[in-house]
Amino acid sequence: MTGELRTEMGTKAAKELRASGRIPCVMYGGKGENIHFTVDPNEVKHVIFTPEFKISNINIDGKNYRCIVREIQFHPVTDEISHIDFLALQDGVRVKTQIPLRAVGVAPGTRDGGKMILKMRAVDIKTSPKYLVDELTVDVSDMEIGITKRIKDIEVPENIKILNAPNIPVASIEIPRILRTTAVDEDLDLDEEDVDEEDQDEESSEESTEE
């Protein structure tokens, strides 16, 4: 995408830029001062409105920058993008970012009526640009009903550190409510049968006593 350097700063200037169809942006982490620029909304849609992790290449004033989205601000009423912060990637400089988490494999518990619940769809990581990946995965092929996978169970490549707490649940196989209800009903039916048998035994005992 192509960025245009901003010549004026401040709230008023930013409003005028948005009114003209541009999005105010700031790039952090580059060599020297932060870069203030604008982009065309149509050029950033593929980076913003996607569940995938994207690395952007932005040309600003004839210079190319490899960067990732750091923060996005939306208008509270229209939900239009009002501001974007980018983080420039530099070789050897570690960055913190968030990437998608995907479950791989078929959980045996789903064949027995369980439901796969993915509790986290993204994780926070720290790594250098050289080792950035599009996603991380958690293997669910050994999960039975009632089993939970946690952050510590995620397959992590070398040189990548997950920043989330290791015991946070990321996926589980749960019993659907309808199955739980059916199980409860069956238990109640068994209890009623036991009560009926006890009543019959008591009646038989009373009849024997009367005789």
N, C-alpha and C. Protein backbone atom coordinates (compact mmCIF):
# COMPACT_ATOMS: atom_id res chain seq x y z
N MET A 1 0.84 -1.19 0.00
CA MET A 1 0.00 0.00 0.00
C MET A 1 0.87 1.24 0.00
N THR A 2 0.28 2.37 -0.32
CA THR A 2 1.01 3.62 -0.39
C THR A 2 0.52 4.60 0.66
N GLY A 3 1.44 5.18 1.40
CA GLY A 3 1.09 6.18 2.41
C GLY A 3 1.57 7.55 2.00
N GLU A 4 0.83 8.57 2.41
CA GLU A 4 1.21 9.95 2.14
C GLU A 4 1.58 10.63 3.45
N LEU A 5 2.73 11.28 3.48
CA LEU A 5 3.17 11.98 4.68
C LEU A 5 2.19 13.09 5.04
N ARG A 6 1.94 13.21 6.34
CA ARG A 6 1.08 14.30 6.81
C ARG A 6 1.89 15.58 6.94
N THR A 7 1.29 16.66 6.49
CA THR A 7 1.97 17.96 6.60
C THR A 7 1.47 18.75 7.79
N GLU A 8 0.27 18.41 8.28
CA GLU A 8 -0.30 19.11 9.43
C GLU A 8 -0.75 18.09 10.48
N MET A 9 -0.56 18.45 11.74
CA MET A 9 -0.94 17.58 12.85
C MET A 9 -2.09 18.21 13.64
N GLY A 10 -2.59 17.45 14.61
CA GLY A 10 -3.64 17.97 15.46
C GLY A 10 -5.01 17.39 15.13
N THR A 11 -5.94 17.58 16.06
CA THR A 11 -7.29 17.02 15.92
C THR A 11 -8.03 17.58 14.71
N LYS A 12 -7.93 18.88 14.51
CA LYS A 12 -8.63 19.51 13.40
C LYS A 12 -8.14 18.98 12.07
N ALA A 13 -6.82 18.86 11.93
CA ALA A 13 -6.24 18.35 10.69
C ALA A 13 -6.66 16.90 10.45
N ALA A 14 -6.72 16.11 11.53
CA ALA A 14 -7.12 14.71 11.40
C ALA A 14 -8.57 14.60 10.93
N LYS A 15 -9.44 15.45 11.45
CA LYS A 15 -10.85 15.45 11.03
C LYS A 15 -10.97 15.80 9.55
N GLU A 16 -10.18 16.75 9.11
CA GLU A 16 -10.23 17.15 7.70
C GLU A 16 -9.74 16.01 6.80
N LEU A 17 -8.74 15.28 7.26
CA LEU A 17 -8.23 14.14 6.49
C LEU A 17 -9.30 13.06 6.36
N ARG A 18 -9.98 12.78 7.45
CA ARG A 18 -11.04 11.76 7.42
C ARG A 18 -12.17 12.20 6.51
N ALA A 19 -12.49 13.48 6.56
CA ALA A 19 -13.57 14.00 5.71
C ALA A 19 -13.21 13.90 4.23
N SER A 20 -11.90 13.94 3.92
CA SER A 20 -11.45 13.84 2.53
C SER A 20 -11.27 12.38 2.09
N GLY A 21 -11.54 11.44 3.01
CA GLY A 21 -11.46 10.03 2.65
C GLY A 21 -10.14 9.36 2.94
N ARG A 22 -9.33 9.96 3.83
CA ARG A 22 -8.04 9.37 4.21
C ARG A 22 -8.07 8.93 5.67
N ILE A 23 -7.23 7.96 6.02
CA ILE A 23 -7.13 7.50 7.41
C ILE A 23 -5.79 7.96 7.98
N PRO A 24 -5.81 8.72 9.06
CA PRO A 24 -4.55 9.11 9.72
C PRO A 24 -3.87 7.89 10.34
N CYS A 25 -2.54 7.82 10.18
CA CYS A 25 -1.78 6.68 10.71
C CYS A 25 -0.47 7.17 11.34
N VAL A 26 0.08 6.33 12.21
CA VAL A 26 1.39 6.57 12.78
C VAL A 26 2.17 5.26 12.72
N MET A 27 3.44 5.35 12.30
CA MET A 27 4.29 4.17 12.30
C MET A 27 5.34 4.33 13.40
N TYR A 28 5.36 3.35 14.32
CA TYR A 28 6.31 3.34 15.43
C TYR A 28 7.41 2.32 15.15
N GLY A 29 8.53 2.51 15.84
CA GLY A 29 9.59 1.51 15.79
C GLY A 29 10.56 1.63 14.65
N GLY A 30 10.38 2.61 13.78
CA GLY A 30 11.32 2.78 12.68
C GLY A 30 12.58 3.49 13.15
N LYS A 31 13.52 3.62 12.27
CA LYS A 31 14.74 4.34 12.60
C LYS A 31 14.44 5.83 12.61
N GLY A 32 14.73 6.48 13.70
CA GLY A 32 14.42 7.90 13.80
C GLY A 32 13.08 8.13 14.45
N GLU A 33 12.45 9.25 14.13
CA GLU A 33 11.18 9.62 14.76
C GLU A 33 10.02 8.81 14.16
N ASN A 34 8.90 8.81 14.90
CA ASN A 34 7.70 8.15 14.40
C ASN A 34 7.22 8.86 13.13
N ILE A 35 6.62 8.09 12.23
CA ILE A 35 6.19 8.63 10.94
C ILE A 35 4.68 8.82 10.95
N HIS A 36 4.23 10.02 10.68
CA HIS A 36 2.80 10.34 10.59
C HIS A 36 2.41 10.39 9.12
N PHE A 37 1.43 9.60 8.74
CA PHE A 37 1.04 9.54 7.33
C PHE A 37 -0.44 9.18 7.21
N THR A 38 -0.93 9.10 6.00
CA THR A 38 -2.33 8.71 5.77
C THR A 38 -2.38 7.61 4.72
N VAL A 39 -3.47 6.84 4.73
CA VAL A 39 -3.67 5.80 3.72
C VAL A 39 -5.10 5.85 3.20
N ASP A 40 -5.29 5.24 2.06
CA ASP A 40 -6.63 5.10 1.48
C ASP A 40 -7.32 3.94 2.19
N PRO A 41 -8.55 4.11 2.67
CA PRO A 41 -9.27 3.03 3.36
C PRO A 41 -9.34 1.73 2.57
N ASN A 42 -9.48 1.83 1.26
CA ASN A 42 -9.59 0.63 0.44
C ASN A 42 -8.30 -0.19 0.42
N GLU A 43 -7.17 0.45 0.68
CA GLU A 43 -5.89 -0.25 0.64
C GLU A 43 -5.59 -1.01 1.93
N VAL A 44 -6.32 -0.74 2.99
CA VAL A 44 -6.05 -1.42 4.27
C VAL A 44 -7.11 -2.45 4.64
N LYS A 45 -8.17 -2.54 3.85
CA LYS A 45 -9.25 -3.47 4.19
C LYS A 45 -8.76 -4.91 4.29
N HIS A 46 -7.86 -5.31 3.39
CA HIS A 46 -7.39 -6.70 3.40
C HIS A 46 -6.53 -7.00 4.61
N VAL A 47 -6.02 -5.96 5.27
CA VAL A 47 -5.20 -6.15 6.47
C VAL A 47 -6.04 -6.10 7.73
N ILE A 48 -7.06 -5.24 7.72
CA ILE A 48 -7.87 -5.01 8.92
C ILE A 48 -9.00 -6.03 9.06
N PHE A 49 -9.77 -6.22 8.00
CA PHE A 49 -10.97 -7.05 8.08
C PHE A 49 -10.66 -8.49 7.67
N THR A 50 -9.85 -9.15 8.46
CA THR A 50 -9.48 -10.53 8.21
C THR A 50 -9.05 -11.18 9.52
N PRO A 51 -9.34 -12.47 9.71
CA PRO A 51 -8.87 -13.16 10.92
C PRO A 51 -7.41 -13.59 10.80
N GLU A 52 -6.84 -13.43 9.60
CA GLU A 52 -5.46 -13.87 9.36
C GLU A 52 -4.46 -12.81 9.83
N PHE A 53 -3.26 -13.28 10.10
CA PHE A 53 -2.17 -12.38 10.48
C PHE A 53 -1.50 -11.87 9.21
N LYS A 54 -1.36 -10.56 9.10
CA LYS A 54 -0.82 -9.97 7.88
C LYS A 54 0.38 -9.07 8.19
N ILE A 55 1.39 -9.17 7.34
CA ILE A 55 2.52 -8.24 7.37
C ILE A 55 2.33 -7.29 6.19
N SER A 56 2.38 -6.00 6.46
CA SER A 56 2.12 -5.00 5.43
C SER A 56 3.42 -4.40 4.91
N ASN A 57 3.41 -4.07 3.64
CA ASN A 57 4.50 -3.34 3.02
C ASN A 57 3.96 -1.98 2.59
N ILE A 58 4.46 -0.94 3.21
CA ILE A 58 3.95 0.41 2.95
C ILE A 58 5.06 1.27 2.35
N ASN A 59 4.73 1.92 1.26
CA ASN A 59 5.65 2.85 0.63
C ASN A 59 5.26 4.27 1.04
N ILE A 60 6.17 4.94 1.75
CA ILE A 60 5.91 6.30 2.21
C ILE A 60 7.04 7.21 1.72
N ASP A 61 6.66 8.15 0.90
CA ASP A 61 7.63 9.12 0.39
C ASP A 61 8.83 8.43 -0.26
N GLY A 62 8.53 7.36 -1.00
CA GLY A 62 9.58 6.67 -1.74
C GLY A 62 10.34 5.62 -0.95
N LYS A 63 10.04 5.45 0.31
CA LYS A 63 10.73 4.46 1.14
C LYS A 63 9.77 3.33 1.51
N ASN A 64 10.27 2.11 1.47
CA ASN A 64 9.44 0.94 1.79
C ASN A 64 9.63 0.52 3.25
N TYR A 65 8.51 0.24 3.91
CA TYR A 65 8.54 -0.18 5.31
C TYR A 65 7.75 -1.49 5.45
N ARG A 66 8.36 -2.43 6.12
CA ARG A 66 7.70 -3.70 6.43
C ARG A 66 7.16 -3.58 7.85
N CYS A 67 5.87 -3.75 8.05
CA CYS A 67 5.29 -3.48 9.36
C CYS A 67 4.06 -4.34 9.64
N ILE A 68 3.59 -4.28 10.88
CA ILE A 68 2.37 -4.96 11.29
C ILE A 68 1.45 -3.95 11.97
N VAL A 69 0.16 -4.28 12.00
CA VAL A 69 -0.80 -3.40 12.66
C VAL A 69 -0.63 -3.53 14.17
N ARG A 70 -0.51 -2.39 14.83
CA ARG A 70 -0.34 -2.37 16.28
C ARG A 70 -1.67 -2.09 16.99
N GLU A 71 -2.43 -1.14 16.47
CA GLU A 71 -3.72 -0.79 17.09
C GLU A 71 -4.61 -0.11 16.05
N ILE A 72 -5.90 -0.37 16.18
CA ILE A 72 -6.88 0.23 15.27
C ILE A 72 -7.95 0.94 16.10
N GLN A 73 -8.31 2.13 15.70
CA GLN A 73 -9.38 2.86 16.37
C GLN A 73 -10.55 3.00 15.39
N PHE A 74 -11.76 2.74 15.90
CA PHE A 74 -12.96 2.86 15.08
C PHE A 74 -13.85 3.98 15.60
N HIS A 75 -14.61 4.58 14.69
CA HIS A 75 -15.56 5.61 15.09
C HIS A 75 -16.65 4.95 15.93
N PRO A 76 -17.01 5.52 17.08
CA PRO A 76 -17.98 4.88 17.99
C PRO A 76 -19.39 4.73 17.41
N VAL A 77 -19.72 5.50 16.40
CA VAL A 77 -21.08 5.44 15.84
C VAL A 77 -21.10 4.73 14.48
N THR A 78 -20.20 5.14 13.59
CA THR A 78 -20.22 4.59 12.23
C THR A 78 -19.39 3.33 12.07
N ASP A 79 -18.50 3.03 13.05
CA ASP A 79 -17.60 1.88 12.99
C ASP A 79 -16.57 1.99 11.86
N GLU A 80 -16.44 3.17 11.28
CA GLU A 80 -15.40 3.37 10.27
C GLU A 80 -14.04 3.50 10.96
N ILE A 81 -13.00 3.11 10.26
CA ILE A 81 -11.65 3.22 10.83
C ILE A 81 -11.28 4.69 10.95
N SER A 82 -10.90 5.10 12.15
CA SER A 82 -10.55 6.50 12.37
C SER A 82 -9.04 6.72 12.54
N HIS A 83 -8.31 5.65 12.90
CA HIS A 83 -6.86 5.80 13.09
C HIS A 83 -6.22 4.42 13.15
N ILE A 84 -4.99 4.33 12.62
CA ILE A 84 -4.25 3.06 12.67
C ILE A 84 -2.82 3.33 13.14
N ASP A 85 -2.37 2.51 14.07
CA ASP A 85 -0.97 2.52 14.49
C ASP A 85 -0.28 1.31 13.89
N PHE A 86 0.84 1.53 13.23
CA PHE A 86 1.65 0.44 12.68
C PHE A 86 2.94 0.32 13.47
N LEU A 87 3.51 -0.87 13.46
CA LEU A 87 4.80 -1.10 14.10
C LEU A 87 5.78 -1.59 13.04
N ALA A 88 6.84 -0.80 12.82
CA ALA A 88 7.84 -1.17 11.82
C ALA A 88 8.66 -2.37 12.30
N LEU A 89 8.95 -3.28 11.37
CA LEU A 89 9.74 -4.47 11.69
C LEU A 89 11.20 -4.23 11.31
N GLN A 90 12.08 -4.47 12.28
CA GLN A 90 13.50 -4.32 12.03
C GLN A 90 14.20 -5.63 12.36
N ASP A 91 15.12 -6.04 11.50
CA ASP A 91 15.85 -7.29 11.71
C ASP A 91 16.53 -7.29 13.07
N GLY A 92 16.32 -8.37 13.82
CA GLY A 92 16.97 -8.52 15.12
C GLY A 92 16.26 -7.85 16.27
N VAL A 93 15.23 -7.08 15.98
CA VAL A 93 14.49 -6.39 17.05
C VAL A 93 13.19 -7.15 17.32
N ARG A 94 13.06 -7.67 18.52
CA ARG A 94 11.88 -8.48 18.87
C ARG A 94 10.65 -7.59 19.03
N VAL A 95 9.51 -8.13 18.62
CA VAL A 95 8.25 -7.38 18.70
C VAL A 95 7.20 -8.23 19.40
N LYS A 96 6.23 -7.54 19.98
CA LYS A 96 5.07 -8.20 20.58
C LYS A 96 3.89 -8.01 19.64
N THR A 97 3.19 -9.10 19.38
CA THR A 97 2.02 -9.00 18.52
C THR A 97 1.05 -10.14 18.84
N GLN A 98 -0.05 -10.17 18.14
CA GLN A 98 -1.07 -11.21 18.36
C GLN A 98 -1.28 -11.94 17.04
N ILE A 99 -1.29 -13.29 17.11
CA ILE A 99 -1.51 -14.08 15.90
C ILE A 99 -2.62 -15.10 16.15
N PRO A 100 -3.28 -15.57 15.08
CA PRO A 100 -4.39 -16.50 15.22
C PRO A 100 -3.96 -17.85 15.81
N LEU A 101 -4.90 -18.49 16.50
CA LEU A 101 -4.71 -19.84 17.03
C LEU A 101 -5.74 -20.75 16.37
N ARG A 102 -5.28 -21.88 15.83
CA ARG A 102 -6.17 -22.79 15.11
C ARG A 102 -6.05 -24.20 15.67
N ALA A 103 -7.19 -24.87 15.79
CA ALA A 103 -7.21 -26.27 16.25
C ALA A 103 -6.97 -27.17 15.04
N VAL A 104 -6.12 -28.19 15.22
CA VAL A 104 -5.86 -29.14 14.13
C VAL A 104 -6.15 -30.55 14.62
N GLY A 105 -6.63 -31.38 13.70
CA GLY A 105 -6.96 -32.75 14.06
C GLY A 105 -8.45 -32.92 14.34
N VAL A 106 -8.87 -34.16 14.48
CA VAL A 106 -10.27 -34.48 14.79
C VAL A 106 -10.31 -35.08 16.20
N ALA A 107 -11.05 -34.44 17.08
CA ALA A 107 -11.13 -34.89 18.47
C ALA A 107 -12.07 -36.09 18.58
N PRO A 108 -11.60 -37.21 19.17
CA PRO A 108 -12.47 -38.39 19.34
C PRO A 108 -13.74 -38.07 20.12
N GLY A 109 -13.64 -37.10 21.04
CA GLY A 109 -14.80 -36.76 21.85
C GLY A 109 -15.97 -36.22 21.04
N THR A 110 -15.69 -35.64 19.87
CA THR A 110 -16.78 -35.12 19.03
C THR A 110 -17.56 -36.26 18.38
N ARG A 111 -16.90 -37.40 18.20
CA ARG A 111 -17.60 -38.56 17.63
C ARG A 111 -18.55 -39.18 18.65
N ASP A 112 -18.27 -38.94 19.93
CA ASP A 112 -19.12 -39.49 20.99
C ASP A 112 -20.20 -38.51 21.44
N GLY A 113 -20.41 -37.47 20.65
CA GLY A 113 -21.47 -36.51 20.97
C GLY A 113 -20.99 -35.23 21.63
N GLY A 114 -19.68 -35.14 21.91
CA GLY A 114 -19.15 -33.93 22.53
C GLY A 114 -19.04 -32.79 21.53
N LYS A 115 -18.92 -31.58 22.05
CA LYS A 115 -18.82 -30.39 21.20
C LYS A 115 -17.48 -29.71 21.44
N MET A 116 -16.77 -29.44 20.35
CA MET A 116 -15.49 -28.74 20.44
C MET A 116 -15.72 -27.25 20.69
N ILE A 117 -15.14 -26.74 21.75
CA ILE A 117 -15.24 -25.32 22.07
C ILE A 117 -13.84 -24.72 22.03
N LEU A 118 -13.61 -23.81 21.08
CA LEU A 118 -12.33 -23.11 21.01
C LEU A 118 -12.46 -21.83 21.82
N LYS A 119 -11.80 -21.79 22.96
CA LYS A 119 -11.96 -20.69 23.90
C LYS A 119 -11.08 -19.49 23.58
N MET A 120 -10.03 -19.71 22.81
CA MET A 120 -9.15 -18.61 22.38
C MET A 120 -8.90 -18.74 20.89
N ARG A 121 -9.01 -17.64 20.18
CA ARG A 121 -8.78 -17.65 18.74
C ARG A 121 -7.51 -16.89 18.35
N ALA A 122 -6.83 -16.33 19.34
CA ALA A 122 -5.58 -15.62 19.08
C ALA A 122 -4.74 -15.63 20.34
N VAL A 123 -3.42 -15.59 20.18
CA VAL A 123 -2.51 -15.58 21.32
C VAL A 123 -1.49 -14.46 21.15
N ASP A 124 -0.98 -13.97 22.27
CA ASP A 124 0.04 -12.92 22.25
C ASP A 124 1.42 -13.57 22.22
N ILE A 125 2.27 -13.09 21.33
CA ILE A 125 3.61 -13.66 21.23
C ILE A 125 4.67 -12.56 21.20
N LYS A 126 5.91 -13.00 21.40
CA LYS A 126 7.06 -12.11 21.26
C LYS A 126 8.12 -12.84 20.46
N THR A 127 8.58 -12.20 19.40
CA THR A 127 9.60 -12.82 18.56
C THR A 127 10.23 -11.75 17.68
N SER A 128 11.22 -12.13 16.92
CA SER A 128 11.84 -11.20 15.97
C SER A 128 11.19 -11.40 14.60
N PRO A 129 11.25 -10.38 13.73
CA PRO A 129 10.59 -10.47 12.42
C PRO A 129 10.97 -11.71 11.62
N LYS A 130 12.18 -12.18 11.78
CA LYS A 130 12.64 -13.34 11.02
C LYS A 130 11.83 -14.58 11.32
N TYR A 131 11.31 -14.68 12.54
CA TYR A 131 10.61 -15.90 12.97
C TYR A 131 9.10 -15.73 13.08
N LEU A 132 8.57 -14.62 12.59
CA LEU A 132 7.12 -14.42 12.63
C LEU A 132 6.41 -15.49 11.80
N VAL A 133 5.31 -16.02 12.34
CA VAL A 133 4.52 -17.02 11.63
C VAL A 133 3.08 -16.51 11.48
N ASP A 134 2.34 -17.13 10.56
CA ASP A 134 0.96 -16.69 10.30
C ASP A 134 -0.01 -17.11 11.39
N GLU A 135 0.31 -18.23 12.08
CA GLU A 135 -0.60 -18.75 13.10
C GLU A 135 0.13 -19.77 13.96
N LEU A 136 -0.49 -20.11 15.10
CA LEU A 136 -0.05 -21.23 15.93
C LEU A 136 -1.19 -22.23 15.97
N THR A 137 -0.86 -23.49 16.31
CA THR A 137 -1.88 -24.53 16.32
C THR A 137 -1.87 -25.30 17.63
N VAL A 138 -3.02 -25.86 17.96
CA VAL A 138 -3.13 -26.76 19.10
C VAL A 138 -3.73 -28.06 18.60
N ASP A 139 -3.07 -29.18 18.91
CA ASP A 139 -3.50 -30.49 18.43
C ASP A 139 -4.63 -31.02 19.32
N VAL A 140 -5.78 -31.30 18.70
CA VAL A 140 -6.95 -31.77 19.47
C VAL A 140 -7.26 -33.23 19.16
N SER A 141 -6.37 -33.92 18.44
CA SER A 141 -6.66 -35.28 17.98
C SER A 141 -6.70 -36.32 19.11
N ASP A 142 -6.31 -35.92 20.33
CA ASP A 142 -6.35 -36.87 21.45
C ASP A 142 -7.38 -36.45 22.51
N MET A 143 -8.26 -35.53 22.17
CA MET A 143 -9.19 -34.98 23.17
C MET A 143 -10.49 -35.78 23.24
N GLU A 144 -10.76 -36.31 24.42
CA GLU A 144 -12.03 -36.98 24.71
C GLU A 144 -12.97 -35.99 25.40
N ILE A 145 -14.19 -36.41 25.63
CA ILE A 145 -15.16 -35.56 26.33
C ILE A 145 -14.64 -35.22 27.72
N GLY A 146 -14.69 -33.94 28.06
CA GLY A 146 -14.24 -33.49 29.38
C GLY A 146 -12.79 -33.05 29.42
N ILE A 147 -12.07 -33.25 28.32
CA ILE A 147 -10.65 -32.88 28.27
C ILE A 147 -10.50 -31.42 27.85
N THR A 148 -9.52 -30.73 28.44
CA THR A 148 -9.23 -29.33 28.12
C THR A 148 -7.77 -29.17 27.74
N LYS A 149 -7.51 -28.45 26.66
CA LYS A 149 -6.15 -28.08 26.28
C LYS A 149 -5.89 -26.65 26.73
N ARG A 150 -4.64 -26.39 27.12
CA ARG A 150 -4.28 -25.08 27.65
C ARG A 150 -3.14 -24.46 26.84
N ILE A 151 -2.82 -23.23 27.17
CA ILE A 151 -1.76 -22.51 26.47
C ILE A 151 -0.48 -23.34 26.39
N LYS A 152 -0.16 -24.02 27.48
CA LYS A 152 1.07 -24.81 27.53
C LYS A 152 1.05 -25.99 26.57
N ASP A 153 -0.12 -26.33 26.01
CA ASP A 153 -0.23 -27.45 25.08
C ASP A 153 -0.07 -27.03 23.62
N ILE A 154 0.08 -25.73 23.38
CA ILE A 154 0.22 -25.24 22.01
C ILE A 154 1.61 -25.58 21.47
N GLU A 155 1.64 -25.98 20.21
CA GLU A 155 2.91 -26.27 19.55
C GLU A 155 3.59 -24.94 19.19
N VAL A 156 4.73 -24.67 19.81
CA VAL A 156 5.41 -23.39 19.63
C VAL A 156 6.76 -23.60 18.95
N PRO A 157 6.99 -22.96 17.80
CA PRO A 157 8.29 -23.07 17.13
C PRO A 157 9.39 -22.41 17.97
N GLU A 158 10.60 -22.73 17.66
CA GLU A 158 11.73 -22.10 18.34
C GLU A 158 11.73 -20.59 18.07
N ASN A 159 12.26 -19.86 19.02
CA ASN A 159 12.43 -18.40 18.90
C ASN A 159 11.11 -17.63 19.00
N ILE A 160 10.04 -18.32 19.40
CA ILE A 160 8.77 -17.63 19.64
C ILE A 160 8.35 -17.89 21.09
N LYS A 161 7.98 -16.84 21.78
CA LYS A 161 7.54 -16.96 23.16
C LYS A 161 6.09 -16.52 23.27
N ILE A 162 5.26 -17.39 23.86
CA ILE A 162 3.87 -17.04 24.10
C ILE A 162 3.79 -16.25 25.40
N LEU A 163 3.10 -15.12 25.37
CA LEU A 163 3.03 -14.24 26.53
C LEU A 163 1.83 -14.52 27.44
N ASN A 164 0.85 -15.29 26.94
CA ASN A 164 -0.31 -15.63 27.77
C ASN A 164 0.09 -16.62 28.86
N ALA A 165 -0.62 -16.59 29.99
CA ALA A 165 -0.35 -17.51 31.10
C ALA A 165 -0.52 -18.96 30.63
N PRO A 166 0.37 -19.87 31.03
CA PRO A 166 0.38 -21.24 30.50
C PRO A 166 -0.86 -22.07 30.82
N ASN A 167 -1.58 -21.75 31.90
CA ASN A 167 -2.74 -22.57 32.28
C ASN A 167 -4.08 -22.05 31.75
N ILE A 168 -4.06 -21.03 30.93
CA ILE A 168 -5.31 -20.52 30.35
C ILE A 168 -5.88 -21.56 29.38
N PRO A 169 -7.17 -21.94 29.53
CA PRO A 169 -7.77 -22.91 28.61
C PRO A 169 -7.89 -22.34 27.19
N VAL A 170 -7.60 -23.17 26.20
CA VAL A 170 -7.74 -22.73 24.81
C VAL A 170 -8.76 -23.57 24.05
N ALA A 171 -8.99 -24.81 24.47
CA ALA A 171 -9.96 -25.66 23.79
C ALA A 171 -10.45 -26.74 24.74
N SER A 172 -11.71 -27.14 24.57
CA SER A 172 -12.26 -28.20 25.42
C SER A 172 -13.35 -28.95 24.66
N ILE A 173 -13.60 -30.18 25.09
CA ILE A 173 -14.69 -30.98 24.55
C ILE A 173 -15.77 -31.04 25.62
N GLU A 174 -16.88 -30.41 25.35
CA GLU A 174 -17.94 -30.33 26.34
C GLU A 174 -19.16 -31.14 25.92
N ILE A 175 -19.94 -31.57 26.93
CA ILE A 175 -21.16 -32.32 26.67
C ILE A 175 -22.27 -31.33 26.34
N PRO A 176 -22.92 -31.45 25.17
CA PRO A 176 -24.02 -30.55 24.83
C PRO A 176 -25.13 -30.60 25.87
N ARG A 177 -25.82 -29.49 26.04
CA ARG A 177 -26.87 -29.39 27.06
C ARG A 177 -27.94 -30.46 26.88
N ILE A 178 -28.29 -30.76 25.64
CA ILE A 178 -29.35 -31.74 25.41
C ILE A 178 -28.94 -33.12 25.90
N LEU A 179 -27.64 -33.45 25.77
CA LEU A 179 -27.16 -34.74 26.26
C LEU A 179 -27.14 -34.77 27.78
N ARG A 180 -26.75 -33.62 28.38
CA ARG A 180 -26.75 -33.55 29.85
C ARG A 180 -28.17 -33.69 30.38
N THR A 181 -29.14 -33.07 29.69
CA THR A 181 -30.54 -33.15 30.11
C THR A 181 -31.05 -34.57 30.00
N THR A 182 -30.68 -35.25 28.89
CA THR A 182 -31.09 -36.64 28.69
C THR A 182 -30.53 -37.53 29.78
N ALA A 183 -29.25 -37.29 30.15
CA ALA A 183 -28.61 -38.09 31.19
C ALA A 183 -29.31 -37.89 32.53
N VAL A 184 -29.69 -36.64 32.83
CA VAL A 184 -30.39 -36.35 34.08
C VAL A 184 -31.74 -37.04 34.10
N ASP A 185 -32.47 -36.99 32.94
CA ASP A 185 -33.78 -37.63 32.86
C ASP A 185 -33.67 -39.14 33.08
N GLU A 186 -32.62 -39.73 32.52
CA GLU A 186 -32.43 -41.17 32.69
C GLU A 186 -32.15 -41.51 34.15
N ASP A 187 -31.39 -40.66 34.82
CA ASP A 187 -31.11 -40.88 36.24
C ASP A 187 -32.39 -40.78 37.07
N LEU A 188 -33.23 -39.80 36.70
CA LEU A 188 -34.49 -39.64 37.42
C LEU A 188 -35.39 -40.85 37.21
N ASP A 189 -35.40 -41.37 35.97
CA ASP A 189 -36.23 -42.55 35.68
C ASP A 189 -35.74 -43.75 36.50
N LEU A 190 -34.42 -43.90 36.61
CA LEU A 190 -33.88 -45.00 37.40
C LEU A 190 -34.25 -44.84 38.87
N ASP A 191 -34.18 -43.60 39.38
CA ASP A 191 -34.54 -43.34 40.76
C ASP A 191 -36.01 -43.68 41.01
N GLU A 192 -36.87 -43.32 40.03
CA GLU A 192 -38.30 -43.61 40.17
C GLU A 192 -38.54 -45.11 40.18
N GLU A 193 -37.80 -45.84 39.33
CA GLU A 193 -37.94 -47.29 39.29
C GLU A 193 -37.53 -47.90 40.63
N ASP A 194 -36.46 -47.37 41.22
CA ASP A 194 -36.01 -47.87 42.52
C ASP A 194 -37.06 -47.62 43.59
N VAL A 195 -37.70 -46.44 43.53
CA VAL A 195 -38.73 -46.10 44.51
C VAL A 195 -39.92 -47.03 44.35
N ASP A 196 -40.32 -47.30 43.09
CA ASP A 196 -41.45 -48.20 42.83
C ASP A 196 -41.16 -49.59 43.38
N GLU A 197 -39.91 -50.04 43.17
CA GLU A 197 -39.56 -51.37 43.67
C GLU A 197 -39.59 -51.41 45.18
N GLU A 198 -39.14 -50.33 45.82
CA GLU A 198 -39.17 -50.27 47.28
C GLU A 198 -40.61 -50.28 47.78
N ASP A 199 -41.49 -49.53 47.09
CA ASP A 199 -42.91 -49.50 47.49
C ASP A 199 -43.53 -50.88 47.36
N GLN A 200 -43.17 -51.57 46.26
CA GLN A 200 -43.73 -52.90 46.07
C GLN A 200 -43.24 -53.86 47.15
N ASP A 201 -41.96 -53.72 47.51
CA ASP A 201 -41.42 -54.59 48.56
C ASP A 201 -42.12 -54.32 49.88
N GLU A 202 -42.39 -53.01 50.17
CA GLU A 202 -43.06 -52.68 51.42
C GLU A 202 -44.48 -53.23 51.44
N GLU A 203 -45.18 -53.12 50.28
CA GLU A 203 -46.55 -53.63 50.20
C GLU A 203 -46.57 -55.15 50.41
N SER A 204 -45.59 -55.84 49.79
CA SER A 204 -45.53 -57.29 49.94
C SER A 204 -45.26 -57.66 51.39
N SER A 205 -44.42 -56.89 52.05
CA SER A 205 -44.09 -57.15 53.45
C SER A 205 -45.31 -56.95 54.33
N GLU A 206 -46.07 -55.90 54.05
CA GLU A 206 -47.27 -55.61 54.85
C GLU A 206 -48.30 -56.71 54.68
N GLU A 207 -48.45 -57.18 53.41
CA GLU A 207 -49.44 -58.24 53.14
C GLU A 207 -49.05 -59.51 53.89
N SER A 208 -47.75 -59.81 53.93
CA SER A 208 -47.28 -61.01 54.62
C SER A 208 -47.52 -60.90 56.10
N THR A 209 -47.37 -59.71 56.66
CA THR A 209 -47.58 -59.49 58.08
C THR A 209 -49.03 -59.67 58.44
N GLU A 210 -49.93 -59.14 57.58
CA GLU A 210 -51.37 -59.24 57.84
C GLU A 210 -51.82 -60.69 57.83
N GLU A 211 -51.24 -61.50 56.95
CA GLU A 211 -51.61 -62.92 56.89
C GLU A 211 -51.16 -63.63 58.17
